[in-house]
Protein backbone atom coordinates (compact mmCIF):
# COMPACT_ATOMS: atom_id res chain seq x y z
CA MET A 1 0.00 0.00 0.00
CA LYS A 2 1.34 3.42 -1.02
CA LYS A 3 2.28 5.83 1.75
CA ILE A 4 1.21 9.43 1.22
CA ALA A 5 1.33 12.58 3.31
CA VAL A 6 0.08 16.15 3.29
CA PHE A 7 2.34 18.77 4.83
CA SER A 8 1.59 22.42 5.43
CA LEU A 9 4.11 25.25 5.38
CA THR A 10 2.88 28.82 5.90
CA SER A 11 -0.71 28.83 4.64
CA CYS A 12 -4.40 29.30 5.43
CA SER A 13 -5.00 25.50 5.25
CA GLY A 14 -7.68 26.05 2.59
CA CYS A 15 -6.28 23.36 0.29
CA GLN A 16 -6.22 20.86 3.15
CA MET A 17 -9.84 21.71 3.86
CA GLU A 18 -10.76 20.93 0.26
CA ILE A 19 -9.21 17.47 0.61
CA ALA A 20 -11.09 16.89 3.87
CA ASN A 21 -14.27 18.04 2.14
CA LEU A 22 -14.03 15.12 -0.27
CA GLY A 23 -15.98 13.08 2.28
CA LYS A 24 -16.77 9.62 0.90
CA LYS A 25 -14.33 10.06 -1.99
CA LEU A 26 -11.53 10.50 0.53
CA LEU A 27 -12.58 7.27 2.24
CA ASP A 28 -12.47 5.55 -1.14
CA ILE A 29 -8.90 6.79 -1.68
CA LEU A 30 -7.93 5.39 1.72
CA LYS A 31 -8.67 1.89 0.43
CA PHE A 32 -5.56 2.19 -1.74
CA VAL A 33 -3.21 4.40 0.28
CA LYS A 34 -2.05 4.89 3.83
CA ILE A 35 -1.97 8.48 5.06
CA GLU A 36 1.09 8.91 7.26
CA ASP A 37 0.72 12.62 7.96
CA PHE A 38 -2.13 15.08 7.43
CA PRO A 39 -2.43 17.96 9.94
CA LEU A 40 -6.22 18.18 9.76
CA ILE A 41 -6.94 14.51 10.38
CA LYS A 42 -3.78 12.88 11.70
CA GLU A 43 -1.17 14.28 14.05
CA LYS A 44 2.26 14.77 12.54
CA LYS A 45 4.90 12.49 14.06
CA GLY A 46 8.00 13.52 12.16
CA ILE A 47 9.17 13.07 8.58
CA LYS A 48 9.30 9.46 7.35
CA LYS A 49 9.61 7.72 3.99
CA TYR A 50 6.75 8.36 1.56
CA ASP A 51 5.63 7.48 -1.94
CA ILE A 52 3.75 10.75 -2.52
CA VAL A 53 3.82 14.00 -0.57
CA PHE A 54 1.55 16.99 -1.12
CA ILE A 55 2.84 20.28 0.29
CA GLU A 56 0.42 23.12 0.89
CA GLY A 57 1.57 26.65 1.63
CA GLY A 58 4.74 28.54 0.91
CA PRO A 59 8.25 28.63 2.36
CA VAL A 60 8.18 32.08 3.91
CA THR A 61 10.56 31.36 6.81
CA LYS A 62 13.96 29.69 7.10
CA LYS A 63 12.28 26.92 9.11
CA ASN A 64 9.83 26.32 6.24
CA ILE A 65 12.71 26.03 3.75
CA LYS A 66 14.58 23.55 5.94
CA GLU A 67 11.47 21.39 6.37
CA LEU A 68 10.77 21.48 2.63
CA LYS A 69 14.25 20.22 1.80
CA GLU A 70 14.01 17.44 4.39
CA ILE A 71 10.66 16.29 2.97
CA ARG A 72 12.04 16.24 -0.58
CA LYS A 73 14.70 13.73 0.48
CA GLN A 74 12.07 11.35 1.89
CA THR A 75 9.58 11.04 -0.96
CA LYS A 76 9.40 9.68 -4.50
CA PHE A 77 6.81 12.17 -5.79
CA LEU A 78 6.50 15.71 -4.45
CA VAL A 79 3.44 17.75 -5.41
CA ALA A 80 3.09 21.49 -4.85
CA LEU A 81 -0.49 21.84 -3.62
CA GLY A 82 -2.29 25.13 -4.27
CA THR A 83 -1.23 28.57 -5.40
CA CYS A 84 0.90 29.41 -2.34
CA ALA A 85 3.08 26.40 -3.14
CA CYS A 86 3.02 26.88 -6.92
CA LEU A 87 3.28 30.66 -7.29
CA GLY A 88 3.71 32.33 -3.91
CA CYS A 89 0.13 33.60 -3.86
CA ILE A 90 -0.91 36.45 -1.55
CA PRO A 91 2.26 36.40 0.61
CA LYS A 92 4.24 37.16 -2.57
CA ILE A 93 2.59 40.58 -2.87
CA LYS A 94 5.27 41.92 -0.51
CA ASN A 95 7.89 41.13 -3.18
CA PHE A 96 6.33 43.83 -5.32
CA LYS A 97 6.45 46.42 -2.52
CA GLU A 98 9.13 47.95 -0.28
CA LYS A 99 9.08 44.95 2.06
CA ASN A 100 11.98 46.10 4.26
CA LYS A 101 10.14 49.34 4.94
CA ILE A 102 6.68 47.84 5.34
CA ILE A 103 7.79 45.25 7.93
CA LYS A 104 8.49 48.08 10.39
CA ASN A 105 4.82 49.08 10.21
CA VAL A 106 3.73 45.52 11.05
CA TYR A 107 6.12 44.41 13.80
CA GLN A 108 7.48 46.40 16.71
CA PHE A 109 10.63 44.28 16.95
CA ILE A 110 11.86 42.99 13.60
CA GLU A 111 15.26 41.54 14.53
CA LYS A 112 14.03 37.93 14.71
CA ILE A 113 11.41 38.16 11.95
CA ASP A 114 12.25 36.38 8.68
CA ASN A 115 11.54 38.74 5.82
CA LEU A 116 12.52 36.58 2.89
CA GLU A 117 11.65 37.00 -0.76
CA ILE A 118 8.59 34.81 -1.34
CA LYS A 119 9.29 32.07 -3.87
CA PRO A 120 7.42 28.94 -5.00
CA LEU A 121 8.52 25.49 -3.86
CA LYS A 122 10.23 24.75 -7.18
CA ASP A 123 12.79 27.47 -6.49
CA TYR A 124 14.11 25.42 -3.56
CA VAL A 125 13.60 21.75 -4.49
CA GLN A 126 12.62 19.57 -7.43
CA ILE A 127 8.84 19.40 -7.81
CA ASP A 128 7.27 16.53 -9.73
CA PHE A 129 3.89 18.18 -10.26
CA GLU A 130 2.09 21.41 -9.47
CA LEU A 131 -1.62 21.49 -8.69
CA PRO A 132 -2.61 25.18 -8.62
CA GLY A 133 -5.73 26.86 -7.27
CA CYS A 134 -6.75 28.98 -4.32
CA PRO A 135 -7.99 26.66 -3.04
CA ILE A 136 -7.41 23.58 -5.19
CA ASP A 137 -10.29 21.81 -6.90
CA LYS A 138 -10.95 18.71 -4.78
CA ASN A 139 -12.07 16.58 -7.73
CA GLU A 140 -8.92 17.49 -9.64
CA PHE A 141 -6.98 16.37 -6.57
CA VAL A 142 -8.61 12.92 -6.78
CA TRP A 143 -7.60 12.64 -10.44
CA ILE A 144 -4.01 13.64 -9.57
CA VAL A 145 -3.80 11.00 -6.83
CA CYS A 146 -5.07 8.30 -9.21
CA GLN A 147 -2.49 9.24 -11.83
CA LEU A 148 0.40 9.24 -9.37
CA LEU A 149 -0.65 5.92 -7.85
CA ASN A 150 -0.24 4.49 -11.35
CA GLU A 151 3.27 6.00 -11.59
CA LYS A 152 2.10 8.61 -14.12
CA ILE A 153 2.92 12.31 -14.00
CA PRO A 154 -0.40 14.12 -14.72
CA GLN A 155 -0.77 16.67 -17.48
CA ILE A 156 -3.21 19.54 -17.02
CA SER A 157 -4.73 20.58 -20.34
CA GLN A 158 -3.46 23.97 -21.51
CA LYS A 159 -6.91 25.48 -21.95
CA PRO A 160 -7.71 28.90 -20.49
CA VAL A 161 -10.40 29.71 -17.98
CA CYS A 162 -12.28 31.35 -20.86
CA TYR A 163 -12.78 27.92 -22.44
CA GLU A 164 -14.62 26.66 -19.35
CA CYS A 165 -16.45 29.96 -18.99
CA GLN A 166 -17.90 29.60 -22.48
CA LEU A 167 -18.98 26.02 -21.76
CA GLU A 168 -20.88 27.34 -18.75
CA GLU A 169 -22.38 30.12 -20.93
CA ASN A 170 -21.29 32.81 -18.49
CA GLU A 171 -21.46 36.46 -19.43
CA CYS A 172 -18.07 37.76 -20.63
CA LEU A 173 -16.85 40.44 -18.23
CA LEU A 174 -14.05 41.53 -20.57
CA GLN A 175 -16.63 42.49 -23.16
CA LYS A 176 -18.26 44.64 -20.47
CA GLY A 177 -15.00 46.55 -19.99
CA LYS A 178 -13.91 44.80 -16.77
CA ILE A 179 -10.54 43.24 -16.00
CA CYS A 180 -10.83 39.47 -16.18
CA LEU A 181 -7.70 37.32 -16.62
CA GLY A 182 -9.57 34.37 -18.10
CA PRO A 183 -7.79 34.38 -21.50
CA LEU A 184 -4.35 34.15 -19.86
CA ILE A 185 -4.94 31.77 -16.96
CA LEU A 186 -4.79 27.97 -16.82
CA GLY A 187 -8.23 26.41 -16.67
CA GLY A 188 -9.31 23.55 -14.44
CA CYS A 189 -11.37 25.54 -11.94
CA ASN A 190 -14.60 25.19 -13.96
CA ALA A 191 -14.79 28.99 -14.05
CA VAL A 192 -16.10 28.99 -10.50
CA CYS A 193 -15.58 32.74 -9.97
CA LEU A 194 -17.30 33.66 -13.21
CA LYS A 195 -20.33 31.60 -12.19
CA SER A 196 -20.74 34.10 -9.36
CA CYS A 197 -20.24 37.06 -11.73
CA LEU A 198 -16.74 37.64 -10.33
CA PRO A 199 -13.74 38.16 -12.63
CA CYS A 200 -10.86 35.71 -12.89
CA ASP A 201 -7.94 37.08 -10.84
CA GLY A 202 -5.49 34.40 -11.95
CA CYS A 203 -5.21 32.04 -8.99
CA ARG A 204 -4.14 29.10 -11.20
CA GLY A 205 -1.29 30.98 -12.86
CA PHE A 206 -0.45 31.68 -16.48
CA LEU A 207 -0.87 29.26 -19.35
CA LYS A 208 2.47 28.06 -20.72
CA GLU A 209 2.11 30.44 -23.66
CA PRO A 210 -0.25 33.26 -22.64
CA LYS A 211 -1.02 35.73 -25.40
CA ILE A 212 -0.28 38.76 -23.24
CA GLU A 213 0.30 41.22 -26.11
CA ASN A 214 -3.12 40.44 -27.57
CA TYR A 215 -4.67 40.83 -24.13
CA ILE A 216 -3.08 44.24 -23.59
CA LYS A 217 -4.37 45.39 -26.97
CA LEU A 218 -7.85 44.34 -25.87
CA LEU A 219 -7.44 46.34 -22.65
CA GLU A 220 -6.43 49.40 -24.65
CA LYS A 221 -9.41 48.93 -26.94
CA ASN A 222 -11.72 48.80 -23.91
CA LYS A 223 -9.88 51.78 -22.32
CA ILE A 224 -8.80 49.73 -19.30
CA ASN A 225 -5.78 50.98 -17.36
CA LYS A 226 -2.75 48.69 -17.78
CA LYS A 227 -1.63 49.45 -14.21
CA ASP A 228 -4.91 48.06 -12.86
CA PHE A 229 -4.25 44.92 -14.92
CA GLU A 230 -0.75 44.54 -13.43
CA GLU A 231 -2.03 45.01 -9.88
CA THR A 232 -4.69 42.36 -10.49
CA LEU A 233 -1.98 39.94 -11.63
CA GLU A 234 -0.02 40.51 -8.43
CA LYS A 235 -2.85 39.26 -6.19
CA PHE A 236 -1.79 35.63 -6.62
CA GLY A 237 1.88 36.07 -7.38
CA ASN A 238 1.77 36.53 -11.16
CA LYS A 239 3.99 39.14 -12.75
CA LEU A 240 4.57 40.36 -16.30
């Protein structure tokens, strides 16, 4: 039986919650795997040997980085779970600001506070697969687990959020003159934000070949400020 684990670095635990929310599907998975560590359902008892490890959250402290490197040595497959792990997500916003100045407005004593540049897991260790999303899609997680259990590295289809949005027959917010990153962002979320009439803010990261120049031309045509577009990108750690 394969041994798997879920570890959490600095995060909100939202991706872990999505796994726990699988309910019966999670119980079905447990027929084929043994969960060694999972903070929400099983107390962590130290790093062991694993077949598959999912890491949620980002390495924002030196302690996080050390733990990440130790885990990498103990597993065959390492999966970056969620946008914090894949891109840096919201914590990465400080990279785009004067972080050394801002920290003084947050903490009274900064001497012992790590104020590192926020980077994705792949900048520190080899990652076998990235499952983006804020949070992840729980059903996509099940598919990933099934692929890895069969010794296959999954491949997420390079279709934009717009593709799924059209399938759902949602109203196009770009055509209404609003910033929506759907044409540039990797699909797989089933356009969940657009179903609620909210724009795509890019939580799943860029497609491998996003047509950014075409998108900027569209913004100019719709008289949308490019700076607003860039600030929207930064929300989840994307950058031009």
